[in-house]
Structures are given as structure tokens and as C-alpha cells.
Amino acid sequence: MRVLLVEDDADLSRQLKTALGDAGYAVDHAPDGEEAHYLGENEPYDVIVLDLGLPKIDGVSVLERWRREGKTTPVLILTARGAWSDKVAGFDAGADDYLTKPFHTEELLARL
């Protein structure tokens, strides 16, 4: 399964790429919203793991763009924003799942 990991934290990105790779996923990484939008628009992914607090373009805006463009790839939001209003905004933008940081990698893998 091919995953787009959108995360600006370099350490967390490395850890997740390793964990996802060990679990058998092929992982591409985007460190900001602009690159995430480009990759999500032009590459075929089975799932996208999307942070919200991104440089250049925030995660909710990226997700809204993908959905307006007709992209139906499942998106799991992975973020430190855990307020109910943030979760509602994420689902309203088109998210399929929402996981808050801190989290256990095993839970992320189970959700994927």
C-alpha cells in the first residue's frame, strides 16, 4: 500500500517512515502543505496521513483543495490539535479519520 506522509517535524517523519516501511508500506514524504498538495494531486496514493500545522499551506486547506478537485483518497489527520472544534473542522474538510498527538504507532497502523 502506498502512503503519503505529510509531516513537518523531521524527527517524527523519520520515525513514521521507518515504522510504516517496516509494516510493509511504501512511503512518500511531504514536509509542507505545498508539496503535499502537489504530490496528492499528481501521484496515486492508497492513503494520506496529514498533519494540520504545516508550513506554506495548512493541512485543512490542502485537504479542502483535494476534495474540491475530486480526490477521494482516504485521509487520516495526525495532529496535536485535539479540541473537538478542530476535529469537526477536519471531518468537515473531508477527513476520513483523526488521530491526535501524542499517539502510539500501533494505533496509527491499526487505523491504516
N, C-alpha and C. Protein backbone atom coordinates (compact mmCIF):
# COMPACT_ATOMS: atom_id res chain seq x y z
N MET A 1 0.86 -1.17 0.00
CA MET A 1 0.00 0.00 0.00
C MET A 1 0.91 1.24 0.00
N ARG A 2 0.54 2.22 -0.78
CA ARG A 2 1.33 3.44 -0.92
C ARG A 2 0.74 4.56 -0.07
N VAL A 3 1.60 5.16 0.77
CA VAL A 3 1.17 6.18 1.73
C VAL A 3 1.91 7.49 1.45
N LEU A 4 1.16 8.60 1.51
CA LEU A 4 1.78 9.91 1.53
C LEU A 4 1.75 10.39 2.97
N LEU A 5 2.93 10.61 3.54
CA LEU A 5 3.07 11.12 4.90
C LEU A 5 3.36 12.61 4.81
N VAL A 6 2.46 13.42 5.36
CA VAL A 6 2.62 14.87 5.33
C VAL A 6 2.87 15.32 6.77
N GLU A 7 4.14 15.63 7.06
CA GLU A 7 4.54 15.96 8.42
C GLU A 7 5.77 16.86 8.35
N ASP A 8 5.73 17.99 9.06
CA ASP A 8 6.85 18.92 9.02
C ASP A 8 7.89 18.66 10.10
N ASP A 9 7.60 17.87 11.10
CA ASP A 9 8.57 17.55 12.15
C ASP A 9 9.52 16.47 11.61
N ALA A 10 10.78 16.82 11.43
CA ALA A 10 11.75 15.91 10.80
C ALA A 10 11.94 14.63 11.60
N ASP A 11 12.03 14.73 12.93
CA ASP A 11 12.24 13.53 13.75
C ASP A 11 11.03 12.59 13.67
N LEU A 12 9.84 13.16 13.81
CA LEU A 12 8.63 12.33 13.74
C LEU A 12 8.49 11.72 12.35
N SER A 13 8.80 12.47 11.31
CA SER A 13 8.73 11.95 9.95
C SER A 13 9.63 10.74 9.78
N ARG A 14 10.86 10.85 10.26
CA ARG A 14 11.81 9.73 10.16
C ARG A 14 11.27 8.50 10.90
N GLN A 15 10.76 8.72 12.11
CA GLN A 15 10.23 7.60 12.89
C GLN A 15 9.05 6.94 12.19
N LEU A 16 8.15 7.76 11.67
CA LEU A 16 6.97 7.20 11.00
C LEU A 16 7.33 6.52 9.69
N LYS A 17 8.25 7.09 8.93
CA LYS A 17 8.68 6.44 7.68
C LYS A 17 9.26 5.07 7.97
N THR A 18 10.06 4.97 9.03
CA THR A 18 10.64 3.68 9.40
C THR A 18 9.56 2.70 9.83
N ALA A 19 8.66 3.14 10.71
CA ALA A 19 7.61 2.25 11.21
C ALA A 19 6.68 1.79 10.08
N LEU A 20 6.29 2.72 9.22
CA LEU A 20 5.41 2.36 8.11
C LEU A 20 6.13 1.44 7.12
N GLY A 21 7.39 1.74 6.85
CA GLY A 21 8.17 0.88 5.96
C GLY A 21 8.31 -0.52 6.52
N ASP A 22 8.58 -0.62 7.83
CA ASP A 22 8.69 -1.93 8.48
C ASP A 22 7.38 -2.70 8.43
N ALA A 23 6.27 -1.98 8.38
CA ALA A 23 4.95 -2.62 8.31
C ALA A 23 4.55 -2.96 6.87
N GLY A 24 5.44 -2.65 5.92
CA GLY A 24 5.18 -3.03 4.53
C GLY A 24 4.61 -1.94 3.64
N TYR A 25 4.53 -0.73 4.14
CA TYR A 25 4.01 0.38 3.35
C TYR A 25 5.14 1.03 2.55
N ALA A 26 4.81 1.49 1.35
CA ALA A 26 5.71 2.33 0.56
C ALA A 26 5.35 3.76 0.91
N VAL A 27 6.33 4.54 1.40
CA VAL A 27 6.04 5.86 1.96
C VAL A 27 6.75 6.97 1.18
N ASP A 28 5.97 7.96 0.77
CA ASP A 28 6.50 9.22 0.26
C ASP A 28 6.26 10.26 1.35
N HIS A 29 7.12 11.26 1.40
CA HIS A 29 7.02 12.27 2.46
C HIS A 29 6.95 13.66 1.87
N ALA A 30 6.06 14.48 2.43
CA ALA A 30 5.98 15.89 2.09
C ALA A 30 6.12 16.68 3.39
N PRO A 31 7.09 17.63 3.46
CA PRO A 31 7.31 18.38 4.70
C PRO A 31 6.48 19.65 4.82
N ASP A 32 5.71 19.99 3.79
CA ASP A 32 4.90 21.21 3.85
C ASP A 32 3.63 21.03 3.01
N GLY A 33 2.69 21.94 3.18
CA GLY A 33 1.41 21.83 2.50
C GLY A 33 1.48 21.99 1.00
N GLU A 34 2.40 22.79 0.53
CA GLU A 34 2.54 22.99 -0.91
C GLU A 34 2.97 21.71 -1.62
N GLU A 35 4.00 21.05 -1.09
CA GLU A 35 4.45 19.79 -1.67
C GLU A 35 3.40 18.70 -1.50
N ALA A 36 2.73 18.70 -0.35
CA ALA A 36 1.68 17.72 -0.10
C ALA A 36 0.57 17.84 -1.15
N HIS A 37 0.15 19.08 -1.41
CA HIS A 37 -0.91 19.28 -2.40
C HIS A 37 -0.46 18.76 -3.76
N TYR A 38 0.75 19.10 -4.17
CA TYR A 38 1.27 18.66 -5.46
C TYR A 38 1.31 17.14 -5.56
N LEU A 39 1.90 16.48 -4.55
CA LEU A 39 2.00 15.02 -4.59
C LEU A 39 0.63 14.36 -4.56
N GLY A 40 -0.24 14.84 -3.68
CA GLY A 40 -1.58 14.26 -3.58
C GLY A 40 -2.40 14.43 -4.85
N GLU A 41 -2.12 15.49 -5.57
CA GLU A 41 -2.83 15.76 -6.82
C GLU A 41 -2.28 14.93 -7.98
N ASN A 42 -0.99 14.61 -7.94
CA ASN A 42 -0.33 14.02 -9.11
C ASN A 42 0.13 12.57 -8.96
N GLU A 43 0.08 12.03 -7.76
CA GLU A 43 0.54 10.67 -7.52
C GLU A 43 -0.61 9.82 -6.96
N PRO A 44 -0.62 8.53 -7.30
CA PRO A 44 -1.68 7.65 -6.79
C PRO A 44 -1.33 7.08 -5.41
N TYR A 45 -2.03 7.52 -4.39
CA TYR A 45 -1.82 7.01 -3.04
C TYR A 45 -3.05 6.23 -2.59
N ASP A 46 -2.78 5.23 -1.74
CA ASP A 46 -3.88 4.46 -1.15
C ASP A 46 -4.43 5.16 0.08
N VAL A 47 -3.57 5.93 0.75
CA VAL A 47 -3.98 6.66 1.95
C VAL A 47 -3.00 7.81 2.17
N ILE A 48 -3.48 8.86 2.81
CA ILE A 48 -2.65 10.01 3.15
C ILE A 48 -2.75 10.26 4.65
N VAL A 49 -1.58 10.40 5.30
CA VAL A 49 -1.51 10.78 6.71
C VAL A 49 -1.11 12.24 6.72
N LEU A 50 -1.99 13.10 7.23
CA LEU A 50 -1.86 14.54 7.07
C LEU A 50 -1.82 15.28 8.40
N ASP A 51 -0.73 16.01 8.63
CA ASP A 51 -0.65 16.92 9.77
C ASP A 51 -1.41 18.20 9.40
N LEU A 52 -1.88 18.93 10.40
CA LEU A 52 -2.60 20.17 10.12
C LEU A 52 -1.70 21.39 10.17
N GLY A 53 -0.78 21.44 11.13
CA GLY A 53 0.08 22.60 11.31
C GLY A 53 1.29 22.52 10.40
N LEU A 54 1.11 22.91 9.15
CA LEU A 54 2.17 22.79 8.15
C LEU A 54 2.64 24.15 7.67
N PRO A 55 3.91 24.24 7.24
CA PRO A 55 4.36 25.46 6.59
C PRO A 55 3.74 25.60 5.19
N LYS A 56 3.71 26.79 4.70
CA LYS A 56 3.26 27.19 3.36
C LYS A 56 1.74 27.12 3.20
N ILE A 57 1.13 25.95 3.37
CA ILE A 57 -0.33 25.80 3.30
C ILE A 57 -0.74 24.87 4.44
N ASP A 58 -1.71 25.27 5.26
CA ASP A 58 -2.11 24.41 6.38
C ASP A 58 -2.84 23.17 5.88
N GLY A 59 -2.84 22.14 6.72
CA GLY A 59 -3.40 20.85 6.34
C GLY A 59 -4.87 20.87 5.97
N VAL A 60 -5.68 21.64 6.69
CA VAL A 60 -7.11 21.71 6.37
C VAL A 60 -7.31 22.29 4.96
N SER A 61 -6.55 23.33 4.63
CA SER A 61 -6.67 23.93 3.30
C SER A 61 -6.25 22.95 2.20
N VAL A 62 -5.19 22.19 2.46
CA VAL A 62 -4.75 21.18 1.49
C VAL A 62 -5.85 20.15 1.27
N LEU A 63 -6.42 19.67 2.35
CA LEU A 63 -7.48 18.67 2.27
C LEU A 63 -8.70 19.22 1.55
N GLU A 64 -9.09 20.44 1.86
CA GLU A 64 -10.23 21.05 1.17
C GLU A 64 -9.97 21.16 -0.32
N ARG A 65 -8.76 21.52 -0.71
CA ARG A 65 -8.42 21.60 -2.14
C ARG A 65 -8.54 20.25 -2.82
N TRP A 66 -7.97 19.22 -2.17
CA TRP A 66 -8.07 17.87 -2.76
C TRP A 66 -9.52 17.47 -2.96
N ARG A 67 -10.35 17.72 -1.98
CA ARG A 67 -11.75 17.30 -2.09
C ARG A 67 -12.48 18.11 -3.16
N ARG A 68 -12.21 19.40 -3.26
CA ARG A 68 -12.81 20.22 -4.33
C ARG A 68 -12.40 19.73 -5.71
N GLU A 69 -11.17 19.22 -5.80
CA GLU A 69 -10.65 18.72 -7.07
C GLU A 69 -11.13 17.29 -7.37
N GLY A 70 -11.89 16.72 -6.46
CA GLY A 70 -12.45 15.39 -6.68
C GLY A 70 -11.59 14.24 -6.19
N LYS A 71 -10.54 14.53 -5.43
CA LYS A 71 -9.68 13.48 -4.90
C LYS A 71 -10.40 12.77 -3.76
N THR A 72 -10.49 11.45 -3.87
CA THR A 72 -11.23 10.66 -2.87
C THR A 72 -10.31 9.78 -2.02
N THR A 73 -9.01 9.95 -2.15
CA THR A 73 -8.06 9.17 -1.36
C THR A 73 -8.37 9.33 0.13
N PRO A 74 -8.44 8.22 0.86
CA PRO A 74 -8.68 8.34 2.30
C PRO A 74 -7.59 9.16 2.99
N VAL A 75 -8.00 10.04 3.90
CA VAL A 75 -7.06 10.90 4.62
C VAL A 75 -7.26 10.71 6.12
N LEU A 76 -6.16 10.38 6.79
CA LEU A 76 -6.13 10.31 8.24
C LEU A 76 -5.36 11.53 8.73
N ILE A 77 -6.03 12.38 9.48
CA ILE A 77 -5.36 13.55 10.06
C ILE A 77 -4.62 13.09 11.31
N LEU A 78 -3.34 13.47 11.39
CA LEU A 78 -2.49 13.17 12.54
C LEU A 78 -1.93 14.50 13.04
N THR A 79 -2.44 14.97 14.18
CA THR A 79 -2.12 16.33 14.60
C THR A 79 -2.14 16.48 16.12
N ALA A 80 -1.52 17.55 16.59
CA ALA A 80 -1.57 17.89 18.01
C ALA A 80 -2.86 18.62 18.36
N ARG A 81 -3.61 19.05 17.37
CA ARG A 81 -4.85 19.80 17.60
C ARG A 81 -5.97 18.82 17.98
N GLY A 82 -6.24 18.78 19.29
CA GLY A 82 -7.19 17.79 19.78
C GLY A 82 -8.53 18.33 20.24
N ALA A 83 -8.78 19.62 20.10
CA ALA A 83 -10.07 20.18 20.51
C ALA A 83 -11.18 19.64 19.61
N TRP A 84 -12.37 19.52 20.16
CA TRP A 84 -13.48 18.98 19.37
C TRP A 84 -13.73 19.83 18.13
N SER A 85 -13.53 21.15 18.23
CA SER A 85 -13.78 22.02 17.08
C SER A 85 -12.76 21.76 15.96
N ASP A 86 -11.53 21.43 16.33
CA ASP A 86 -10.52 21.08 15.32
C ASP A 86 -10.89 19.77 14.63
N LYS A 87 -11.38 18.82 15.42
CA LYS A 87 -11.79 17.54 14.84
C LYS A 87 -12.95 17.73 13.88
N VAL A 88 -13.94 18.51 14.29
CA VAL A 88 -15.09 18.77 13.42
C VAL A 88 -14.64 19.46 12.13
N ALA A 89 -13.73 20.44 12.25
CA ALA A 89 -13.22 21.13 11.06
C ALA A 89 -12.50 20.16 10.13
N GLY A 90 -11.75 19.24 10.70
CA GLY A 90 -11.05 18.24 9.89
C GLY A 90 -12.01 17.32 9.16
N PHE A 91 -13.03 16.84 9.87
CA PHE A 91 -14.02 15.98 9.21
C PHE A 91 -14.83 16.76 8.19
N ASP A 92 -15.18 18.00 8.51
CA ASP A 92 -15.92 18.83 7.55
C ASP A 92 -15.11 19.09 6.28
N ALA A 93 -13.78 19.15 6.41
CA ALA A 93 -12.92 19.36 5.25
C ALA A 93 -12.78 18.11 4.40
N GLY A 94 -13.17 16.95 4.96
CA GLY A 94 -13.13 15.72 4.17
C GLY A 94 -12.28 14.61 4.74
N ALA A 95 -11.81 14.74 5.98
CA ALA A 95 -11.00 13.68 6.59
C ALA A 95 -11.83 12.42 6.80
N ASP A 96 -11.17 11.29 6.73
CA ASP A 96 -11.81 10.00 6.98
C ASP A 96 -11.56 9.52 8.40
N ASP A 97 -10.48 9.99 9.01
CA ASP A 97 -10.14 9.62 10.38
C ASP A 97 -9.31 10.74 10.99
N TYR A 98 -9.18 10.73 12.31
CA TYR A 98 -8.50 11.82 13.03
C TYR A 98 -7.83 11.21 14.24
N LEU A 99 -6.52 11.39 14.34
CA LEU A 99 -5.74 10.87 15.46
C LEU A 99 -4.90 12.00 16.03
N THR A 100 -4.95 12.17 17.36
CA THR A 100 -4.21 13.27 17.97
C THR A 100 -2.87 12.80 18.54
N LYS A 101 -1.91 13.72 18.50
CA LYS A 101 -0.59 13.50 19.10
C LYS A 101 -0.68 13.91 20.57
N PRO A 102 0.00 13.23 21.46
CA PRO A 102 0.83 12.06 21.21
C PRO A 102 -0.04 10.83 20.93
N PHE A 103 0.54 9.88 20.24
CA PHE A 103 -0.18 8.68 19.83
C PHE A 103 0.78 7.50 19.89
N HIS A 104 0.23 6.31 19.79
CA HIS A 104 1.04 5.10 19.71
C HIS A 104 1.07 4.67 18.25
N THR A 105 2.23 4.34 17.77
CA THR A 105 2.38 3.93 16.37
C THR A 105 1.48 2.75 16.04
N GLU A 106 1.29 1.87 16.99
CA GLU A 106 0.42 0.70 16.77
C GLU A 106 -1.01 1.13 16.45
N GLU A 107 -1.47 2.19 17.10
CA GLU A 107 -2.83 2.68 16.81
C GLU A 107 -2.90 3.26 15.40
N LEU A 108 -1.88 4.01 15.01
CA LEU A 108 -1.85 4.54 13.66
C LEU A 108 -1.89 3.41 12.64
N LEU A 109 -1.08 2.39 12.85
CA LEU A 109 -1.05 1.25 11.93
C LEU A 109 -2.39 0.54 11.88
N ALA A 110 -3.03 0.39 13.03
CA ALA A 110 -4.35 -0.26 13.06
C ALA A 110 -5.38 0.54 12.28
N ARG A 111 -5.32 1.86 12.38
CA ARG A 111 -6.27 2.72 11.66
C ARG A 111 -6.02 2.67 10.16
N LEU A 112 -4.75 2.57 9.76
CA LEU A 112 -4.46 2.49 8.34
C LEU A 112 -4.91 1.15 7.77
